[in-house]
Amino acid sequence: MTEVLTHFALGPLLLLVAMIFKIFPAKKINNVYGYRTRRSMMNQEAWQYANLLFNNLFILISILLTLAQILFAYLFAFVETVMYTIFALLAGTAFLFFYVERQLKERFGDNQE
């Protein structure tokens, strides 16, 4: 029973983290907190844009993951639900990273300022 509760806490826990990032965004470029990549840290404008975009998409992906977990639990056995949830989490994370990086590249290019 503990495994089931732990598994189904994943989506809501990620949503909580996403909401914390949204409520308390990283205001200045730092090495501890926020969406930190080479492109996002090239200047303050890129940093603010990347963190705003990341935070909004992170909330959306967390909500979608939570809904997917509920759907998977209804359709599949527990082991399959865990596997599909892990796949959905990895796909959502990859999408989030590549989408934000692509938007940064389109908006700011590759130039270090």
C-alpha atoms as a PDB file:
ATOM      1  CA  MET A   1       0.000   0.000   0.000  1.00  0.00           C
ATOM      2  CA  THR A   2       2.922   2.336   0.746  1.00  0.00           C
ATOM      3  CA  GLU A   3       4.240   1.890  -2.808  1.00  0.00           C
ATOM      4  CA  VAL A   4       0.868   2.881  -4.250  1.00  0.00           C
ATOM      5  CA  LEU A   5       0.635   6.030  -2.129  1.00  0.00           C
ATOM      6  CA  THR A   6       4.237   6.937  -2.906  1.00  0.00           C
ATOM      7  CA  HIS A   7       3.647   6.449  -6.612  1.00  0.00           C
ATOM      8  CA  PHE A   8       0.472   8.534  -6.688  1.00  0.00           C
ATOM      9  CA  ALA A   9       2.166  11.311  -4.729  1.00  0.00           C
ATOM     10  CA  LEU A  10       4.571  11.932  -7.630  1.00  0.00           C
ATOM     11  CA  GLY A  11       2.288  14.109  -9.773  1.00  0.00           C
ATOM     12  CA  PRO A  12       0.937  16.224  -6.902  1.00  0.00           C
ATOM     13  CA  LEU A  13       4.447  16.581  -5.439  1.00  0.00           C
ATOM     14  CA  LEU A  14       5.794  17.856  -8.767  1.00  0.00           C
ATOM     15  CA  LEU A  15       2.844  20.243  -8.965  1.00  0.00           C
ATOM     16  CA  LEU A  16       3.718  21.547  -5.506  1.00  0.00           C
ATOM     17  CA  VAL A  17       7.334  22.112  -6.567  1.00  0.00           C
ATOM     18  CA  ALA A  18       6.140  23.836  -9.752  1.00  0.00           C
ATOM     19  CA  MET A  19       3.894  26.133  -7.722  1.00  0.00           C
ATOM     20  CA  ILE A  20       6.791  27.003  -5.398  1.00  0.00           C
ATOM     21  CA  PHE A  21       8.896  27.922  -8.459  1.00  0.00           C
ATOM     22  CA  LYS A  22       5.989  30.033  -9.758  1.00  0.00           C
ATOM     23  CA  ILE A  23       5.351  31.827  -6.450  1.00  0.00           C
ATOM     24  CA  PHE A  24       9.042  32.306  -5.638  1.00  0.00           C
ATOM     25  CA  PRO A  25      10.800  32.648  -9.013  1.00  0.00           C
ATOM     26  CA  ALA A  26      14.549  33.036  -9.262  1.00  0.00           C
ATOM     27  CA  LYS A  27      14.890  36.765  -9.814  1.00  0.00           C
ATOM     28  CA  LYS A  28      18.612  36.991 -10.522  1.00  0.00           C
ATOM     29  CA  ILE A  29      21.015  34.636 -12.250  1.00  0.00           C
ATOM     30  CA  ASN A  30      22.444  32.263  -9.662  1.00  0.00           C
ATOM     31  CA  ASN A  31      24.027  28.831  -9.369  1.00  0.00           C
ATOM     32  CA  VAL A  32      21.480  27.362  -6.965  1.00  0.00           C
ATOM     33  CA  TYR A  33      17.850  27.976  -7.915  1.00  0.00           C
ATOM     34  CA  GLY A  34      15.917  28.308 -11.162  1.00  0.00           C
ATOM     35  CA  TYR A  35      16.125  27.059 -14.738  1.00  0.00           C
ATOM     36  CA  ARG A  36      19.907  27.031 -15.109  1.00  0.00           C
ATOM     37  CA  THR A  37      21.432  26.319 -18.513  1.00  0.00           C
ATOM     38  CA  ARG A  38      24.093  28.055 -20.563  1.00  0.00           C
ATOM     39  CA  ARG A  39      21.463  29.832 -22.651  1.00  0.00           C
ATOM     40  CA  SER A  40      19.247  30.831 -19.744  1.00  0.00           C
ATOM     41  CA  MET A  41      22.218  32.295 -17.867  1.00  0.00           C
ATOM     42  CA  MET A  42      23.643  34.334 -20.777  1.00  0.00           C
ATOM     43  CA  ASN A  43      21.984  37.532 -19.531  1.00  0.00           C
ATOM     44  CA  GLN A  44      19.288  38.738 -17.135  1.00  0.00           C
ATOM     45  CA  GLU A  45      16.603  39.044 -19.836  1.00  0.00           C
ATOM     46  CA  ALA A  46      17.167  35.449 -20.999  1.00  0.00           C
ATOM     47  CA  TRP A  47      17.129  34.298 -17.372  1.00  0.00           C
ATOM     48  CA  GLN A  48      13.777  35.916 -16.649  1.00  0.00           C
ATOM     49  CA  TYR A  49      12.243  34.675 -19.909  1.00  0.00           C
ATOM     50  CA  ALA A  50      13.500  31.103 -19.408  1.00  0.00           C
ATOM     51  CA  ASN A  51      12.314  30.897 -15.826  1.00  0.00           C
ATOM     52  CA  LEU A  52       8.860  32.299 -16.638  1.00  0.00           C
ATOM     53  CA  LEU A  53       8.422  29.894 -19.556  1.00  0.00           C
ATOM     54  CA  PHE A  54       9.809  26.945 -17.586  1.00  0.00           C
ATOM     55  CA  ASN A  55       7.604  27.629 -14.557  1.00  0.00           C
ATOM     56  CA  ASN A  56       4.418  27.861 -16.624  1.00  0.00           C
ATOM     57  CA  LEU A  57       5.184  24.696 -18.586  1.00  0.00           C
ATOM     58  CA  PHE A  58       6.275  22.836 -15.442  1.00  0.00           C
ATOM     59  CA  ILE A  59       2.864  23.495 -13.888  1.00  0.00           C
ATOM     60  CA  LEU A  60       1.107  22.269 -17.030  1.00  0.00           C
ATOM     61  CA  ILE A  61       3.235  19.122 -17.281  1.00  0.00           C
ATOM     62  CA  SER A  62       2.723  18.377 -13.580  1.00  0.00           C
ATOM     63  CA  ILE A  63      -1.046  18.627 -13.990  1.00  0.00           C
ATOM     64  CA  LEU A  64      -0.954  16.432 -17.088  1.00  0.00           C
ATOM     65  CA  LEU A  65       1.213  13.869 -15.283  1.00  0.00           C
ATOM     66  CA  THR A  66      -1.235  13.750 -12.365  1.00  0.00           C
ATOM     67  CA  LEU A  67      -4.164  13.229 -14.755  1.00  0.00           C
ATOM     68  CA  ALA A  68      -2.192  10.586 -16.654  1.00  0.00           C
ATOM     69  CA  GLN A  69      -1.499   8.726 -13.404  1.00  0.00           C
ATOM     70  CA  ILE A  70      -5.213   8.632 -12.636  1.00  0.00           C
ATOM     71  CA  LEU A  71      -6.021   7.428 -16.152  1.00  0.00           C
ATOM     72  CA  PHE A  72      -3.259   4.804 -16.100  1.00  0.00           C
ATOM     73  CA  ALA A  73      -4.461   3.512 -12.711  1.00  0.00           C
ATOM     74  CA  TYR A  74      -7.934   3.089 -14.132  1.00  0.00           C
ATOM     75  CA  LEU A  75      -6.740   1.316 -17.292  1.00  0.00           C
ATOM     76  CA  PHE A  76      -3.765  -0.781 -16.180  1.00  0.00           C
ATOM     77  CA  ALA A  77      -2.325  -2.879 -13.356  1.00  0.00           C
ATOM     78  CA  PHE A  78      -0.059  -1.139 -10.839  1.00  0.00           C
ATOM     79  CA  VAL A  79       3.247  -2.234 -12.393  1.00  0.00           C
ATOM     80  CA  GLU A  80       2.139  -1.038 -15.836  1.00  0.00           C
ATOM     81  CA  THR A  81       0.867   2.212 -14.316  1.00  0.00           C
ATOM     82  CA  VAL A  82       4.300   2.865 -12.799  1.00  0.00           C
ATOM     83  CA  MET A  83       6.055   2.113 -16.104  1.00  0.00           C
ATOM     84  CA  TYR A  84       3.748   4.381 -18.115  1.00  0.00           C
ATOM     85  CA  THR A  85       4.045   7.134 -15.519  1.00  0.00           C
ATOM     86  CA  ILE A  86       7.840   6.978 -15.655  1.00  0.00           C
ATOM     87  CA  PHE A  87       7.685   7.171 -19.449  1.00  0.00           C
ATOM     88  CA  ALA A  88       5.281  10.142 -19.261  1.00  0.00           C
ATOM     89  CA  LEU A  89       7.549  11.887 -16.748  1.00  0.00           C
ATOM     90  CA  LEU A  90      10.637  11.393 -18.912  1.00  0.00           C
ATOM     91  CA  ALA A  91       8.785  12.523 -22.051  1.00  0.00           C
ATOM     92  CA  GLY A  92       7.420  15.602 -20.270  1.00  0.00           C
ATOM     93  CA  THR A  93      10.835  16.497 -18.870  1.00  0.00           C
ATOM     94  CA  ALA A  94      12.511  16.087 -22.261  1.00  0.00           C
ATOM     95  CA  PHE A  95       9.810  18.190 -23.932  1.00  0.00           C
ATOM     96  CA  LEU A  96      10.159  20.889 -21.272  1.00  0.00           C
ATOM     97  CA  PHE A  97      13.934  21.114 -21.628  1.00  0.00           C
ATOM     98  CA  PHE A  98      14.047  21.049 -25.437  1.00  0.00           C
ATOM     99  CA  TYR A  99      11.125  23.465 -25.830  1.00  0.00           C
ATOM    100  CA  VAL A 100      12.556  26.069 -23.449  1.00  0.00           C
ATOM    101  CA  GLU A 101      16.012  25.776 -25.008  1.00  0.00           C
ATOM    102  CA  ARG A 102      14.562  26.148 -28.517  1.00  0.00           C
ATOM    103  CA  GLN A 103      12.597  29.227 -27.464  1.00  0.00           C
ATOM    104  CA  LEU A 104      15.713  30.738 -25.908  1.00  0.00           C
ATOM    105  CA  LYS A 105      17.716  30.061 -29.063  1.00  0.00           C
ATOM    106  CA  GLU A 106      15.035  31.632 -31.277  1.00  0.00           C
ATOM    107  CA  ARG A 107      14.666  34.681 -29.062  1.00  0.00           C
ATOM    108  CA  PHE A 108      18.268  35.298 -27.984  1.00  0.00           C
ATOM    109  CA  GLY A 109      20.456  33.265 -30.348  1.00  0.00           C
ATOM    110  CA  ASP A 110      23.674  31.611 -29.231  1.00  0.00           C
ATOM    111  CA  ASN A 111      25.606  34.805 -28.491  1.00  0.00           C
ATOM    112  CA  GLN A 112      27.062  35.211 -25.040  1.00  0.00           C
ATOM    113  CA  GLU A 113      26.555  38.782 -23.891  1.00  0.00           C
END
